[in-house]
């Protein structure tokens, strides 16, 4: 897999954030779901985590367990801003995490 494939989830995250800022919820959700899928396929947990966090905040069905799964796959670095944000998103919904 080439370098471009590993950068694709990051570019897609930026695109999703821009679409969200423009108020295009459907396109935002589609882009974020693509990031989750490509992140999982490529083993890139951080983009997957960020996208899943945004999907949870957008109240998309089925995303809470998805976020919990990727969050729980981390074993260190829990002071990282993305992990702090994911934990906060789960806490907002009273989802227990270790």
C-alpha atoms as a PDB file:
ATOM      1  CA  UNK A   1       0.000   0.000   0.000  1.00  0.00           C
ATOM      2  CA  UNK A   2       1.446   3.345  -1.042  1.00  0.00           C
ATOM      3  CA  UNK A   3       1.930   6.456   1.055  1.00  0.00           C
ATOM      4  CA  UNK A   4      -1.102   8.048  -0.598  1.00  0.00           C
ATOM      5  CA  UNK A   5      -3.339   5.347   0.862  1.00  0.00           C
ATOM      6  CA  UNK A   6      -2.141   6.159   4.373  1.00  0.00           C
ATOM      7  CA  UNK A   7      -2.751   9.876   3.844  1.00  0.00           C
ATOM      8  CA  UNK A   8      -6.245   9.387   2.425  1.00  0.00           C
ATOM      9  CA  UNK A   9      -7.976   9.088   5.830  1.00  0.00           C
ATOM     10  CA  UNK A  10      -6.318  12.321   6.997  1.00  0.00           C
ATOM     11  CA  UNK A  11      -7.371  14.206   3.864  1.00  0.00           C
ATOM     12  CA  UNK A  12     -10.876  12.785   4.172  1.00  0.00           C
ATOM     13  CA  UNK A  13     -11.068  13.995   7.775  1.00  0.00           C
ATOM     14  CA  UNK A  14     -10.183  17.518   6.698  1.00  0.00           C
ATOM     15  CA  UNK A  15     -12.808  17.285   3.942  1.00  0.00           C
ATOM     16  CA  UNK A  16     -15.421  16.087   6.455  1.00  0.00           C
ATOM     17  CA  UNK A  17     -14.638  18.962   8.802  1.00  0.00           C
ATOM     18  CA  UNK A  18     -14.978  21.453   5.935  1.00  0.00           C
ATOM     19  CA  UNK A  19     -18.293  19.909   4.860  1.00  0.00           C
ATOM     20  CA  UNK A  20     -19.504  20.063   8.453  1.00  0.00           C
ATOM     21  CA  UNK A  21     -18.572  23.733   8.605  1.00  0.00           C
ATOM     22  CA  UNK A  22     -20.611  24.290   5.449  1.00  0.00           C
ATOM     23  CA  UNK A  23     -23.602  22.585   7.052  1.00  0.00           C
ATOM     24  CA  UNK A  24     -23.702  19.584   4.696  1.00  0.00           C
ATOM     25  CA  UNK A  25     -24.515  16.888   7.251  1.00  0.00           C
ATOM     26  CA  UNK A  26     -25.128  14.062   4.764  1.00  0.00           C
ATOM     27  CA  UNK A  27     -21.805  14.600   2.997  1.00  0.00           C
ATOM     28  CA  UNK A  28     -20.046  15.001   6.353  1.00  0.00           C
ATOM     29  CA  UNK A  29     -21.405  11.689   7.616  1.00  0.00           C
ATOM     30  CA  UNK A  30     -20.506   9.918   4.362  1.00  0.00           C
ATOM     31  CA  UNK A  31     -16.946  11.254   4.487  1.00  0.00           C
ATOM     32  CA  UNK A  32     -16.548  10.289   8.153  1.00  0.00           C
ATOM     33  CA  UNK A  33     -17.842   6.772   7.522  1.00  0.00           C
ATOM     34  CA  UNK A  34     -15.268   6.486   4.742  1.00  0.00           C
ATOM     35  CA  UNK A  35     -12.522   7.527   7.163  1.00  0.00           C
ATOM     36  CA  UNK A  36     -13.639   4.908   9.684  1.00  0.00           C
ATOM     37  CA  UNK A  37     -13.629   2.205   7.009  1.00  0.00           C
ATOM     38  CA  UNK A  38     -10.271   3.138   5.500  1.00  0.00           C
ATOM     39  CA  UNK A  39      -8.711   3.666   8.918  1.00  0.00           C
ATOM     40  CA  UNK A  40      -9.836   0.215  10.010  1.00  0.00           C
ATOM     41  CA  UNK A  41      -8.689  -1.373   6.745  1.00  0.00           C
ATOM     42  CA  UNK A  42      -5.252   0.265   6.952  1.00  0.00           C
ATOM     43  CA  UNK A  43      -4.840  -0.134  10.711  1.00  0.00           C
ATOM     44  CA  UNK A  44      -4.792   3.627  11.273  1.00  0.00           C
ATOM     45  CA  UNK A  45      -6.542   3.945  14.605  1.00  0.00           C
ATOM     46  CA  UNK A  46      -6.125   7.680  15.180  1.00  0.00           C
ATOM     47  CA  UNK A  47      -8.049   8.841  12.077  1.00  0.00           C
ATOM     48  CA  UNK A  48     -10.635   6.144  12.814  1.00  0.00           C
ATOM     49  CA  UNK A  49     -10.919   7.449  16.391  1.00  0.00           C
ATOM     50  CA  UNK A  50     -11.330  11.076  15.306  1.00  0.00           C
ATOM     51  CA  UNK A  51     -13.958  10.194  12.701  1.00  0.00           C
ATOM     52  CA  UNK A  52     -15.868   7.951  15.112  1.00  0.00           C
ATOM     53  CA  UNK A  53     -15.827  10.733  17.731  1.00  0.00           C
ATOM     54  CA  UNK A  54     -17.343  13.171  15.246  1.00  0.00           C
ATOM     55  CA  UNK A  55     -19.966  10.614  14.188  1.00  0.00           C
ATOM     56  CA  UNK A  56     -20.954  10.139  17.829  1.00  0.00           C
ATOM     57  CA  UNK A  57     -21.237  13.878  18.282  1.00  0.00           C
ATOM     58  CA  UNK A  58     -23.449  13.984  15.172  1.00  0.00           C
ATOM     59  CA  UNK A  59     -25.636  11.344  16.878  1.00  0.00           C
ATOM     60  CA  UNK A  60     -25.250   8.771  14.106  1.00  0.00           C
ATOM     61  CA  UNK A  61     -26.737   5.333  14.844  1.00  0.00           C
ATOM     62  CA  UNK A  62     -24.323   2.553  15.725  1.00  0.00           C
ATOM     63  CA  UNK A  63     -21.353   4.805  16.278  1.00  0.00           C
ATOM     64  CA  UNK A  64     -21.146   4.705  20.078  1.00  0.00           C
ATOM     65  CA  UNK A  65     -19.991   1.085  20.137  1.00  0.00           C
ATOM     66  CA  UNK A  66     -17.693   1.805  17.204  1.00  0.00           C
ATOM     67  CA  UNK A  67     -16.049   4.638  19.135  1.00  0.00           C
ATOM     68  CA  UNK A  68     -15.833   2.579  22.294  1.00  0.00           C
ATOM     69  CA  UNK A  69     -14.143  -0.269  20.379  1.00  0.00           C
ATOM     70  CA  UNK A  70     -11.481   1.915  18.797  1.00  0.00           C
ATOM     71  CA  UNK A  71     -10.934   3.878  22.030  1.00  0.00           C
ATOM     72  CA  UNK A  72     -10.418   0.661  23.994  1.00  0.00           C
ATOM     73  CA  UNK A  73      -7.862  -0.537  21.426  1.00  0.00           C
ATOM     74  CA  UNK A  74      -5.399   2.061  22.755  1.00  0.00           C
ATOM     75  CA  UNK A  75      -3.159   1.024  25.634  1.00  0.00           C
ATOM     76  CA  UNK A  76      -1.254   4.259  26.175  1.00  0.00           C
ATOM     77  CA  UNK A  77      -1.219   7.941  25.372  1.00  0.00           C
ATOM     78  CA  UNK A  78      -4.515   8.716  27.065  1.00  0.00           C
ATOM     79  CA  UNK A  79      -3.448  12.339  27.509  1.00  0.00           C
ATOM     80  CA  UNK A  80      -3.453  12.768  23.707  1.00  0.00           C
ATOM     81  CA  UNK A  81      -6.068  15.408  22.791  1.00  0.00           C
ATOM     82  CA  UNK A  82      -7.877  13.038  20.408  1.00  0.00           C
ATOM     83  CA  UNK A  83      -8.183  10.360  23.086  1.00  0.00           C
ATOM     84  CA  UNK A  84      -9.293  12.947  25.656  1.00  0.00           C
ATOM     85  CA  UNK A  85     -11.940  14.169  23.196  1.00  0.00           C
ATOM     86  CA  UNK A  86     -13.149  10.625  22.455  1.00  0.00           C
ATOM     87  CA  UNK A  87     -13.423   9.841  26.161  1.00  0.00           C
ATOM     88  CA  UNK A  88     -15.370  13.082  26.710  1.00  0.00           C
ATOM     89  CA  UNK A  89     -17.768  12.218  23.870  1.00  0.00           C
ATOM     90  CA  UNK A  90     -18.410   8.826  25.447  1.00  0.00           C
ATOM     91  CA  UNK A  91     -18.801  10.359  28.914  1.00  0.00           C
ATOM     92  CA  UNK A  92     -21.391  12.822  27.550  1.00  0.00           C
ATOM     93  CA  UNK A  93     -23.507   9.764  26.728  1.00  0.00           C
ATOM     94  CA  UNK A  94     -22.732   8.000  30.042  1.00  0.00           C
ATOM     95  CA  UNK A  95     -20.807   5.246  28.251  1.00  0.00           C
ATOM     96  CA  UNK A  96     -18.314   3.675  30.654  1.00  0.00           C
ATOM     97  CA  UNK A  97     -14.752   3.266  29.414  1.00  0.00           C
ATOM     98  CA  UNK A  98     -11.778   1.855  31.295  1.00  0.00           C
END
